[in-house]
């Protein structure tokens, strides 16, 4: 049951853990976009930009959504595009596995942060890999699938 004492967990989860998971996911797209030689920017949140650190734009509602945009990928092969699209889910899954491994090795203690981190990471990876379009943009899984099927996307934002 959700009680008054659980309110802090809600705020902790949505205002700290979820943006961290979003950043890791978008960093995967950034990493593989940079490898392909493109100009890449990631956005954490929505609304007006609060501040920028390198290619990372932190927006006013930093806990709501995230996306990546790229331009001029030099190595614009199908394989590279698939890596860019699946880089987010890959980083998300790897971070989840690393946290679990560190808990298993007793480096981290299981707790509210690790539980919420793994929960939101699984959520991100699962829903980003479902091959559908949402709000006119393909999910990571749909974009990768379309590239594999020889439909390409030029300069579309990545989720």
C-alpha atoms as a PDB file:
ATOM      1  CA  UNK A   1       0.000   0.000   0.000  1.00  0.00           C
ATOM      2  CA  UNK A   2       1.230   3.501  -0.790  1.00  0.00           C
ATOM      3  CA  UNK A   3       1.440   5.557   2.376  1.00  0.00           C
ATOM      4  CA  UNK A   4       2.575   9.013   3.357  1.00  0.00           C
ATOM      5  CA  UNK A   5       6.038   7.705   4.258  1.00  0.00           C
ATOM      6  CA  UNK A   6       6.430   6.517   0.632  1.00  0.00           C
ATOM      7  CA  UNK A   7       6.149  10.028  -0.821  1.00  0.00           C
ATOM      8  CA  UNK A   8       9.908  10.594  -0.504  1.00  0.00           C
ATOM      9  CA  UNK A   9      10.498   7.390  -2.533  1.00  0.00           C
ATOM     10  CA  UNK A  10       8.280   8.769  -5.267  1.00  0.00           C
ATOM     11  CA  UNK A  11      10.205  12.048  -5.434  1.00  0.00           C
ATOM     12  CA  UNK A  12      13.549  10.254  -5.201  1.00  0.00           C
ATOM     13  CA  UNK A  13      12.580   7.886  -8.017  1.00  0.00           C
ATOM     14  CA  UNK A  14      11.151  10.384 -10.459  1.00  0.00           C
ATOM     15  CA  UNK A  15      13.401  13.357  -9.812  1.00  0.00           C
ATOM     16  CA  UNK A  16      16.762  11.585  -9.351  1.00  0.00           C
ATOM     17  CA  UNK A  17      16.798   7.944 -10.471  1.00  0.00           C
ATOM     18  CA  UNK A  18      14.742   8.321 -13.668  1.00  0.00           C
ATOM     19  CA  UNK A  19      16.863  11.211 -15.029  1.00  0.00           C
ATOM     20  CA  UNK A  20      20.029   9.177 -14.350  1.00  0.00           C
ATOM     21  CA  UNK A  21      18.609   6.228 -16.288  1.00  0.00           C
ATOM     22  CA  UNK A  22      17.532   8.608 -19.065  1.00  0.00           C
ATOM     23  CA  UNK A  23      21.047  10.062 -19.236  1.00  0.00           C
ATOM     24  CA  UNK A  24      22.650   6.599 -19.466  1.00  0.00           C
ATOM     25  CA  UNK A  25      20.231   5.608 -22.223  1.00  0.00           C
ATOM     26  CA  UNK A  26      20.878   8.762 -24.242  1.00  0.00           C
ATOM     27  CA  UNK A  27      24.627   8.435 -23.613  1.00  0.00           C
ATOM     28  CA  UNK A  28      24.473   5.122 -25.488  1.00  0.00           C
ATOM     29  CA  UNK A  29      23.092   6.896 -28.541  1.00  0.00           C
ATOM     30  CA  UNK A  30      25.701   9.643 -28.079  1.00  0.00           C
ATOM     31  CA  UNK A  31      28.562   7.136 -27.842  1.00  0.00           C
ATOM     32  CA  UNK A  32      27.676   5.267 -31.023  1.00  0.00           C
ATOM     33  CA  UNK A  33      26.755   8.477 -32.846  1.00  0.00           C
ATOM     34  CA  UNK A  34      30.207   9.898 -32.067  1.00  0.00           C
ATOM     35  CA  UNK A  35      31.873   6.678 -33.250  1.00  0.00           C
ATOM     36  CA  UNK A  36      30.153   7.145 -36.605  1.00  0.00           C
ATOM     37  CA  UNK A  37      31.655  10.632 -36.846  1.00  0.00           C
ATOM     38  CA  UNK A  38      28.438  12.571 -36.483  1.00  0.00           C
ATOM     39  CA  UNK A  39      27.569  15.690 -34.572  1.00  0.00           C
ATOM     40  CA  UNK A  40      25.437  14.428 -31.707  1.00  0.00           C
ATOM     41  CA  UNK A  41      23.394  16.205 -29.042  1.00  0.00           C
ATOM     42  CA  UNK A  42      21.402  14.662 -26.242  1.00  0.00           C
ATOM     43  CA  UNK A  43      18.534  16.263 -24.385  1.00  0.00           C
ATOM     44  CA  UNK A  44      17.496  15.281 -20.885  1.00  0.00           C
ATOM     45  CA  UNK A  45      13.973  16.451 -20.185  1.00  0.00           C
ATOM     46  CA  UNK A  46      11.661  18.712 -22.088  1.00  0.00           C
ATOM     47  CA  UNK A  47      10.879  22.410 -22.151  1.00  0.00           C
ATOM     48  CA  UNK A  48      13.327  25.295 -22.248  1.00  0.00           C
ATOM     49  CA  UNK A  49      17.005  24.506 -21.857  1.00  0.00           C
ATOM     50  CA  UNK A  50      18.319  25.170 -18.352  1.00  0.00           C
ATOM     51  CA  UNK A  51      21.974  24.576 -19.151  1.00  0.00           C
ATOM     52  CA  UNK A  52      24.316  22.734 -21.461  1.00  0.00           C
ATOM     53  CA  UNK A  53      27.359  20.611 -20.663  1.00  0.00           C
ATOM     54  CA  UNK A  54      29.165  19.645 -23.854  1.00  0.00           C
ATOM     55  CA  UNK A  55      26.696  17.830 -26.103  1.00  0.00           C
ATOM     56  CA  UNK A  56      24.204  17.364 -23.235  1.00  0.00           C
ATOM     57  CA  UNK A  57      21.274  19.765 -22.884  1.00  0.00           C
ATOM     58  CA  UNK A  58      19.450  19.703 -19.552  1.00  0.00           C
ATOM     59  CA  UNK A  59      15.914  20.989 -19.940  1.00  0.00           C
ATOM     60  CA  UNK A  60      13.502  22.570 -17.465  1.00  0.00           C
ATOM     61  CA  UNK A  61      11.468  19.391 -16.916  1.00  0.00           C
ATOM     62  CA  UNK A  62      14.627  17.260 -16.633  1.00  0.00           C
ATOM     63  CA  UNK A  63      12.722  14.241 -15.316  1.00  0.00           C
ATOM     64  CA  UNK A  64      10.383  14.050 -18.313  1.00  0.00           C
ATOM     65  CA  UNK A  65      11.604  12.333 -21.485  1.00  0.00           C
ATOM     66  CA  UNK A  66      14.926  12.466 -23.261  1.00  0.00           C
ATOM     67  CA  UNK A  67      16.144  12.258 -26.814  1.00  0.00           C
ATOM     68  CA  UNK A  68      19.207  12.314 -29.009  1.00  0.00           C
ATOM     69  CA  UNK A  69      19.726  14.037 -32.322  1.00  0.00           C
ATOM     70  CA  UNK A  70      22.543  13.634 -34.791  1.00  0.00           C
ATOM     71  CA  UNK A  71      23.812  15.186 -37.995  1.00  0.00           C
ATOM     72  CA  UNK A  72      26.357  14.215 -40.628  1.00  0.00           C
ATOM     73  CA  UNK A  73      27.137  10.637 -39.718  1.00  0.00           C
ATOM     74  CA  UNK A  74      30.290   9.945 -41.721  1.00  0.00           C
ATOM     75  CA  UNK A  75      30.053   6.160 -41.523  1.00  0.00           C
ATOM     76  CA  UNK A  76      26.417   6.066 -42.557  1.00  0.00           C
ATOM     77  CA  UNK A  77      26.168   2.329 -43.245  1.00  0.00           C
ATOM     78  CA  UNK A  78      23.224   0.229 -42.116  1.00  0.00           C
ATOM     79  CA  UNK A  79      25.382  -1.426 -39.455  1.00  0.00           C
ATOM     80  CA  UNK A  80      26.415   1.936 -38.009  1.00  0.00           C
ATOM     81  CA  UNK A  81      22.854   3.270 -37.987  1.00  0.00           C
ATOM     82  CA  UNK A  82      21.622   0.150 -36.205  1.00  0.00           C
ATOM     83  CA  UNK A  83      24.357   0.667 -33.583  1.00  0.00           C
ATOM     84  CA  UNK A  84      23.285   4.293 -33.105  1.00  0.00           C
ATOM     85  CA  UNK A  85      19.630   3.305 -32.680  1.00  0.00           C
ATOM     86  CA  UNK A  86      20.354   0.369 -30.368  1.00  0.00           C
ATOM     87  CA  UNK A  87      23.101   2.173 -28.412  1.00  0.00           C
ATOM     88  CA  UNK A  88      20.579   3.536 -25.895  1.00  0.00           C
ATOM     89  CA  UNK A  89      19.025   0.182 -25.009  1.00  0.00           C
ATOM     90  CA  UNK A  90      22.478  -1.429 -24.998  1.00  0.00           C
ATOM     91  CA  UNK A  91      23.883   1.078 -22.483  1.00  0.00           C
ATOM     92  CA  UNK A  92      20.716   0.769 -20.410  1.00  0.00           C
ATOM     93  CA  UNK A  93      20.943  -3.030 -20.247  1.00  0.00           C
ATOM     94  CA  UNK A  94      24.686  -2.933 -19.540  1.00  0.00           C
ATOM     95  CA  UNK A  95      24.235  -0.459 -16.687  1.00  0.00           C
ATOM     96  CA  UNK A  96      21.521  -2.643 -15.190  1.00  0.00           C
ATOM     97  CA  UNK A  97      23.776  -5.705 -15.397  1.00  0.00           C
ATOM     98  CA  UNK A  98      26.701  -3.793 -13.885  1.00  0.00           C
ATOM     99  CA  UNK A  99      24.608  -2.644 -10.922  1.00  0.00           C
ATOM    100  CA  UNK A 100      23.383  -6.200 -10.351  1.00  0.00           C
ATOM    101  CA  UNK A 101      26.938  -7.534 -10.612  1.00  0.00           C
ATOM    102  CA  UNK A 102      28.161  -4.966  -8.078  1.00  0.00           C
ATOM    103  CA  UNK A 103      25.371  -5.996  -5.711  1.00  0.00           C
ATOM    104  CA  UNK A 104      26.291  -9.664  -6.183  1.00  0.00           C
ATOM    105  CA  UNK A 105      29.964  -8.851  -5.491  1.00  0.00           C
ATOM    106  CA  UNK A 106      28.825  -6.938  -2.367  1.00  0.00           C
ATOM    107  CA  UNK A 107      30.278  -3.649  -3.644  1.00  0.00           C
ATOM    108  CA  UNK A 108      26.780  -2.140  -3.503  1.00  0.00           C
ATOM    109  CA  UNK A 109      24.164  -2.896  -0.922  1.00  0.00           C
ATOM    110  CA  UNK A 110      20.707  -3.578  -2.308  1.00  0.00           C
ATOM    111  CA  UNK A 111      18.442  -0.663  -1.481  1.00  0.00           C
ATOM    112  CA  UNK A 112      15.917   1.798  -2.804  1.00  0.00           C
ATOM    113  CA  UNK A 113      18.351   3.392  -5.291  1.00  0.00           C
ATOM    114  CA  UNK A 114      19.545   0.104  -6.811  1.00  0.00           C
ATOM    115  CA  UNK A 115      16.012  -1.303  -6.903  1.00  0.00           C
ATOM    116  CA  UNK A 116      14.593   1.783  -8.619  1.00  0.00           C
ATOM    117  CA  UNK A 117      17.597   2.037 -10.951  1.00  0.00           C
ATOM    118  CA  UNK A 118      17.173  -1.530 -12.189  1.00  0.00           C
ATOM    119  CA  UNK A 119      13.390  -1.134 -12.402  1.00  0.00           C
ATOM    120  CA  UNK A 120      13.565   2.027 -14.538  1.00  0.00           C
ATOM    121  CA  UNK A 121      16.419   0.603 -16.627  1.00  0.00           C
ATOM    122  CA  UNK A 122      14.378  -2.481 -17.431  1.00  0.00           C
ATOM    123  CA  UNK A 123      11.398  -0.260 -18.262  1.00  0.00           C
ATOM    124  CA  UNK A 124      13.506   1.910 -20.602  1.00  0.00           C
ATOM    125  CA  UNK A 125      15.123  -1.037 -22.371  1.00  0.00           C
ATOM    126  CA  UNK A 126      11.882  -2.987 -22.760  1.00  0.00           C
ATOM    127  CA  UNK A 127       9.741  -0.174 -24.135  1.00  0.00           C
ATOM    128  CA  UNK A 128      12.447   1.341 -26.334  1.00  0.00           C
ATOM    129  CA  UNK A 129      12.945  -1.992 -28.103  1.00  0.00           C
ATOM    130  CA  UNK A 130       9.271  -2.549 -28.981  1.00  0.00           C
ATOM    131  CA  UNK A 131       9.114  -1.792 -32.728  1.00  0.00           C
ATOM    132  CA  UNK A 132       6.366   0.844 -32.897  1.00  0.00           C
ATOM    133  CA  UNK A 133       6.007   4.526 -33.713  1.00  0.00           C
ATOM    134  CA  UNK A 134       4.994   6.955 -31.020  1.00  0.00           C
ATOM    135  CA  UNK A 135       4.235  10.636 -31.535  1.00  0.00           C
ATOM    136  CA  UNK A 136       5.386  10.334 -35.139  1.00  0.00           C
ATOM    137  CA  UNK A 137       8.837   8.968 -34.234  1.00  0.00           C
ATOM    138  CA  UNK A 138       9.990   5.364 -34.245  1.00  0.00           C
ATOM    139  CA  UNK A 139      11.144   3.708 -31.046  1.00  0.00           C
ATOM    140  CA  UNK A 140      14.757   2.555 -31.030  1.00  0.00           C
ATOM    141  CA  UNK A 141      13.644  -0.967 -31.929  1.00  0.00           C
ATOM    142  CA  UNK A 142      11.456   0.231 -34.811  1.00  0.00           C
ATOM    143  CA  UNK A 143      14.184   2.508 -36.171  1.00  0.00           C
ATOM    144  CA  UNK A 144      16.747  -0.305 -36.069  1.00  0.00           C
ATOM    145  CA  UNK A 145      14.288  -2.726 -37.657  1.00  0.00           C
ATOM    146  CA  UNK A 146      13.485  -0.250 -40.437  1.00  0.00           C
ATOM    147  CA  UNK A 147      17.185   0.253 -41.131  1.00  0.00           C
ATOM    148  CA  UNK A 148      17.708  -3.513 -41.252  1.00  0.00           C
ATOM    149  CA  UNK A 149      14.769  -3.760 -43.678  1.00  0.00           C
ATOM    150  CA  UNK A 150      16.497  -1.069 -45.811  1.00  0.00           C
ATOM    151  CA  UNK A 151      14.341   1.878 -44.767  1.00  0.00           C
ATOM    152  CA  UNK A 152      16.668   4.597 -43.432  1.00  0.00           C
ATOM    153  CA  UNK A 153      16.119   7.689 -41.331  1.00  0.00           C
ATOM    154  CA  UNK A 154      18.180  10.823 -41.878  1.00  0.00           C
ATOM    155  CA  UNK A 155      18.659  13.196 -38.941  1.00  0.00           C
ATOM    156  CA  UNK A 156      15.683  11.924 -36.931  1.00  0.00           C
ATOM    157  CA  UNK A 157      15.735  12.322 -33.157  1.00  0.00           C
ATOM    158  CA  UNK A 158      16.418   9.149 -31.274  1.00  0.00           C
ATOM    159  CA  UNK A 159      14.566   8.277 -28.077  1.00  0.00           C
END
